[in-house]
């Protein structure tokens, strides 16, 4: 099934970006709490962390959009093949 070959790597990329983002935030908090003597250097570290955080968010957003597009293309191919399952419900 081709859908597995596309979705699994994209989900791995998305989760890797989430992990990096969470670790980055936690690391910055730990450094702030542990290093009272490092205050002058924290400003540069915080700026670097913010820059890395923007990169991580951009990658996460891009991978999420790409996964959504892949799922849409796979749904369209199912429609063309006549194998798309629908569930009718009233609302």
N, C-alpha and C. Protein backbone atom coordinates (compact mmCIF):
# COMPACT_ATOMS: atom_id res chain seq x y z
N UNK A 1 0.84 -1.18 0.00
CA UNK A 1 0.00 0.00 0.00
C UNK A 1 0.89 1.25 0.00
N UNK A 2 0.72 2.09 -0.99
CA UNK A 2 1.56 3.28 -1.14
C UNK A 2 1.36 4.30 -0.03
N UNK A 3 0.16 4.33 0.54
CA UNK A 3 -0.10 5.33 1.58
C UNK A 3 0.82 5.15 2.77
N UNK A 4 1.12 3.92 3.11
CA UNK A 4 2.03 3.65 4.23
C UNK A 4 3.43 4.17 3.93
N UNK A 5 3.87 4.03 2.70
CA UNK A 5 5.22 4.46 2.32
C UNK A 5 5.38 5.98 2.38
N UNK A 6 4.30 6.72 2.22
CA UNK A 6 4.37 8.17 2.32
C UNK A 6 4.12 8.66 3.74
N UNK A 7 3.12 8.11 4.39
CA UNK A 7 2.71 8.63 5.70
C UNK A 7 3.71 8.34 6.80
N UNK A 8 4.28 7.15 6.82
CA UNK A 8 5.19 6.78 7.91
C UNK A 8 6.41 7.70 7.99
N UNK A 9 7.11 7.94 6.88
CA UNK A 9 8.26 8.86 6.98
C UNK A 9 7.85 10.29 7.36
N UNK A 10 6.73 10.75 6.84
CA UNK A 10 6.29 12.10 7.18
C UNK A 10 5.91 12.20 8.65
N UNK A 11 5.25 11.18 9.17
CA UNK A 11 4.93 11.18 10.60
C UNK A 11 6.20 11.14 11.45
N UNK A 12 7.21 10.42 10.99
CA UNK A 12 8.49 10.38 11.72
C UNK A 12 9.13 11.76 11.74
N UNK A 13 9.09 12.45 10.60
CA UNK A 13 9.66 13.81 10.52
C UNK A 13 8.90 14.76 11.44
N UNK A 14 7.58 14.69 11.41
CA UNK A 14 6.75 15.55 12.26
C UNK A 14 7.07 15.31 13.73
N UNK A 15 7.14 14.05 14.12
CA UNK A 15 7.44 13.74 15.53
C UNK A 15 8.85 14.13 15.92
N UNK A 16 9.80 14.03 15.00
CA UNK A 16 11.17 14.46 15.29
C UNK A 16 11.22 15.96 15.54
N UNK A 17 10.50 16.73 14.70
CA UNK A 17 10.45 18.18 14.93
C UNK A 17 9.79 18.51 16.25
N UNK A 18 8.72 17.80 16.60
CA UNK A 18 8.07 18.04 17.90
C UNK A 18 9.02 17.73 19.05
N UNK A 19 9.74 16.64 18.93
CA UNK A 19 10.69 16.26 19.98
C UNK A 19 11.78 17.30 20.14
N UNK A 20 12.34 17.75 19.03
CA UNK A 20 13.39 18.77 19.09
C UNK A 20 12.84 20.06 19.69
N UNK A 21 11.65 20.46 19.28
CA UNK A 21 11.05 21.68 19.83
C UNK A 21 10.82 21.58 21.33
N UNK A 22 10.31 20.44 21.78
CA UNK A 22 10.07 20.26 23.22
C UNK A 22 11.38 20.24 24.00
N UNK A 23 12.38 19.55 23.48
CA UNK A 23 13.67 19.47 24.16
C UNK A 23 14.35 20.84 24.20
N UNK A 24 14.23 21.60 23.12
CA UNK A 24 14.84 22.93 23.07
C UNK A 24 14.23 23.83 24.13
N UNK A 25 12.91 23.82 24.24
CA UNK A 25 12.25 24.65 25.25
C UNK A 25 12.64 24.24 26.66
N UNK A 26 12.67 22.93 26.91
CA UNK A 26 13.05 22.44 28.23
C UNK A 26 14.50 22.74 28.57
N UNK A 27 15.37 22.64 27.59
CA UNK A 27 16.78 22.92 27.80
C UNK A 27 17.00 24.38 28.14
N UNK A 28 16.33 25.26 27.46
CA UNK A 28 16.47 26.69 27.73
C UNK A 28 15.99 27.04 29.14
N UNK A 29 14.89 26.46 29.55
CA UNK A 29 14.39 26.69 30.91
C UNK A 29 15.39 26.18 31.94
N UNK A 30 15.94 24.99 31.71
CA UNK A 30 16.91 24.42 32.65
C UNK A 30 18.17 25.28 32.74
N UNK A 31 18.61 25.79 31.61
CA UNK A 31 19.81 26.66 31.64
C UNK A 31 19.52 27.94 32.38
N UNK A 32 18.35 28.53 32.15
CA UNK A 32 17.98 29.76 32.87
C UNK A 32 17.95 29.53 34.37
N UNK A 33 17.39 28.41 34.79
CA UNK A 33 17.25 28.12 36.21
C UNK A 33 18.59 27.79 36.86
N UNK A 34 19.48 27.14 36.13
CA UNK A 34 20.72 26.65 36.72
C UNK A 34 21.86 27.65 36.66
N UNK A 35 21.76 28.65 35.86
CA UNK A 35 22.93 29.47 35.59
C UNK A 35 22.69 30.94 35.90
N UNK A 36 22.61 31.28 37.16
CA UNK A 36 22.44 32.68 37.55
C UNK A 36 23.65 33.53 37.16
N UNK A 37 24.84 32.93 37.18
CA UNK A 37 26.06 33.68 36.84
C UNK A 37 26.18 33.92 35.34
N UNK A 38 25.41 33.21 34.56
CA UNK A 38 25.53 33.31 33.10
C UNK A 38 24.58 34.32 32.49
N UNK A 39 23.96 35.17 33.27
CA UNK A 39 22.93 36.08 32.75
C UNK A 39 23.38 36.86 31.52
N UNK A 40 24.60 37.43 31.49
CA UNK A 40 24.98 38.17 30.28
C UNK A 40 25.00 37.30 29.03
N UNK A 41 25.34 36.05 29.16
CA UNK A 41 25.42 35.15 28.01
C UNK A 41 24.05 34.59 27.64
N UNK A 42 23.08 34.67 28.54
CA UNK A 42 21.76 34.10 28.27
C UNK A 42 21.05 34.82 27.14
N UNK A 43 21.28 36.11 26.99
CA UNK A 43 20.60 36.85 25.94
C UNK A 43 20.95 36.27 24.57
N UNK A 44 22.24 35.99 24.33
CA UNK A 44 22.65 35.39 23.06
C UNK A 44 22.09 33.98 22.94
N UNK A 45 22.14 33.23 24.02
CA UNK A 45 21.61 31.87 24.00
C UNK A 45 20.12 31.87 23.71
N UNK A 46 19.40 32.80 24.32
CA UNK A 46 17.95 32.89 24.08
C UNK A 46 17.67 33.29 22.63
N UNK A 47 18.47 34.19 22.08
CA UNK A 47 18.29 34.59 20.69
C UNK A 47 18.57 33.42 19.76
N UNK A 48 19.63 32.66 20.06
CA UNK A 48 19.94 31.47 19.26
C UNK A 48 18.83 30.44 19.37
N UNK A 49 18.33 30.23 20.58
CA UNK A 49 17.25 29.26 20.79
C UNK A 49 15.98 29.70 20.06
N UNK A 50 15.69 30.99 20.07
CA UNK A 50 14.51 31.49 19.36
C UNK A 50 14.66 31.27 17.86
N UNK A 51 15.86 31.49 17.34
CA UNK A 51 16.11 31.26 15.93
C UNK A 51 15.95 29.79 15.57
N UNK A 52 16.49 28.92 16.39
CA UNK A 52 16.35 27.48 16.17
C UNK A 52 14.89 27.08 16.31
N UNK A 53 14.19 27.68 17.27
CA UNK A 53 12.77 27.39 17.47
C UNK A 53 11.95 27.76 16.26
N UNK A 54 12.27 28.89 15.63
CA UNK A 54 11.56 29.28 14.40
C UNK A 54 11.81 28.27 13.29
N UNK A 55 13.05 27.82 13.18
CA UNK A 55 13.38 26.80 12.18
C UNK A 55 12.61 25.51 12.45
N UNK A 56 12.56 25.09 13.69
CA UNK A 56 11.84 23.87 14.06
C UNK A 56 10.36 24.02 13.74
N UNK A 57 9.77 25.15 14.09
CA UNK A 57 8.34 25.38 13.80
C UNK A 57 8.07 25.41 12.30
N UNK A 58 8.98 26.01 11.53
CA UNK A 58 8.81 26.05 10.09
C UNK A 58 8.86 24.63 9.51
N UNK A 59 9.80 23.83 9.98
CA UNK A 59 9.88 22.45 9.52
C UNK A 59 8.67 21.64 9.91
N UNK A 60 8.21 21.82 11.13
CA UNK A 60 7.02 21.11 11.61
C UNK A 60 5.80 21.49 10.79
N UNK A 61 5.61 22.78 10.57
CA UNK A 61 4.46 23.24 9.78
C UNK A 61 4.53 22.72 8.34
N UNK A 62 5.72 22.76 7.75
CA UNK A 62 5.88 22.30 6.37
C UNK A 62 5.59 20.81 6.26
N UNK A 63 6.11 20.03 7.18
CA UNK A 63 5.88 18.58 7.14
C UNK A 63 4.40 18.26 7.37
N UNK A 64 3.74 19.01 8.23
CA UNK A 64 2.32 18.78 8.49
C UNK A 64 1.48 19.11 7.25
N UNK A 65 1.81 20.20 6.58
CA UNK A 65 1.10 20.57 5.36
C UNK A 65 1.35 19.53 4.27
N UNK A 66 2.59 19.08 4.15
CA UNK A 66 2.91 18.07 3.16
C UNK A 66 2.15 16.77 3.42
N UNK A 67 2.06 16.36 4.68
CA UNK A 67 1.29 15.16 5.02
C UNK A 67 -0.17 15.32 4.63
N UNK A 68 -0.73 16.48 4.88
CA UNK A 68 -2.12 16.75 4.51
C UNK A 68 -2.30 16.67 2.99
N UNK A 69 -1.36 17.22 2.25
CA UNK A 69 -1.43 17.16 0.79
C UNK A 69 -1.32 15.73 0.28
N UNK A 70 -0.42 14.96 0.87
CA UNK A 70 -0.26 13.55 0.48
C UNK A 70 -1.55 12.80 0.74
N UNK A 71 -2.16 13.03 1.90
CA UNK A 71 -3.42 12.35 2.21
C UNK A 71 -4.51 12.75 1.23
N UNK A 72 -4.55 14.01 0.82
CA UNK A 72 -5.54 14.44 -0.17
C UNK A 72 -5.30 13.76 -1.52
N UNK A 73 -4.05 13.67 -1.95
CA UNK A 73 -3.74 13.00 -3.21
C UNK A 73 -4.11 11.52 -3.15
N UNK A 74 -3.83 10.89 -2.02
CA UNK A 74 -4.19 9.48 -1.88
C UNK A 74 -5.70 9.29 -1.89
N UNK A 75 -6.43 10.22 -1.28
CA UNK A 75 -7.90 10.14 -1.31
C UNK A 75 -8.42 10.32 -2.74
N UNK A 76 -7.81 11.24 -3.47
CA UNK A 76 -8.22 11.45 -4.86
C UNK A 76 -7.97 10.20 -5.71
N UNK A 77 -6.85 9.54 -5.45
CA UNK A 77 -6.58 8.32 -6.21
C UNK A 77 -7.58 7.22 -5.87
N UNK A 78 -8.00 7.17 -4.60
CA UNK A 78 -9.05 6.21 -4.22
C UNK A 78 -10.37 6.54 -4.91
N UNK A 79 -10.67 7.83 -5.03
CA UNK A 79 -11.89 8.22 -5.74
C UNK A 79 -11.84 7.78 -7.20
N UNK A 80 -10.69 7.98 -7.82
CA UNK A 80 -10.54 7.58 -9.22
C UNK A 80 -10.69 6.07 -9.40
N UNK A 81 -10.19 5.31 -8.43
CA UNK A 81 -10.28 3.85 -8.51
C UNK A 81 -11.64 3.33 -8.07
N UNK A 82 -12.43 4.19 -7.45
CA UNK A 82 -13.74 3.76 -6.95
C UNK A 82 -13.65 2.99 -5.65
N UNK A 83 -12.58 3.16 -4.90
CA UNK A 83 -12.40 2.43 -3.64
C UNK A 83 -12.52 3.35 -2.42
N UNK A 84 -12.92 4.58 -2.62
CA UNK A 84 -13.04 5.53 -1.50
C UNK A 84 -14.30 5.19 -0.70
N UNK A 85 -14.13 4.94 0.57
CA UNK A 85 -15.26 4.59 1.44
C UNK A 85 -15.88 5.85 2.02
N UNK A 86 -17.19 5.92 1.98
CA UNK A 86 -17.90 7.05 2.57
C UNK A 86 -18.85 6.56 3.65
N UNK A 87 -19.05 7.38 4.62
CA UNK A 87 -19.99 7.09 5.70
C UNK A 87 -21.03 8.19 5.71
N UNK A 88 -22.25 7.84 5.42
CA UNK A 88 -23.34 8.81 5.43
C UNK A 88 -23.87 8.96 6.85
N UNK A 89 -24.07 10.20 7.24
CA UNK A 89 -24.67 10.46 8.56
C UNK A 89 -25.44 11.76 8.49
N UNK A 90 -26.41 11.88 9.34
CA UNK A 90 -27.17 13.11 9.37
C UNK A 90 -26.63 14.02 10.47
N UNK A 91 -26.76 15.30 10.25
CA UNK A 91 -26.27 16.24 11.26
C UNK A 91 -27.21 17.40 11.40
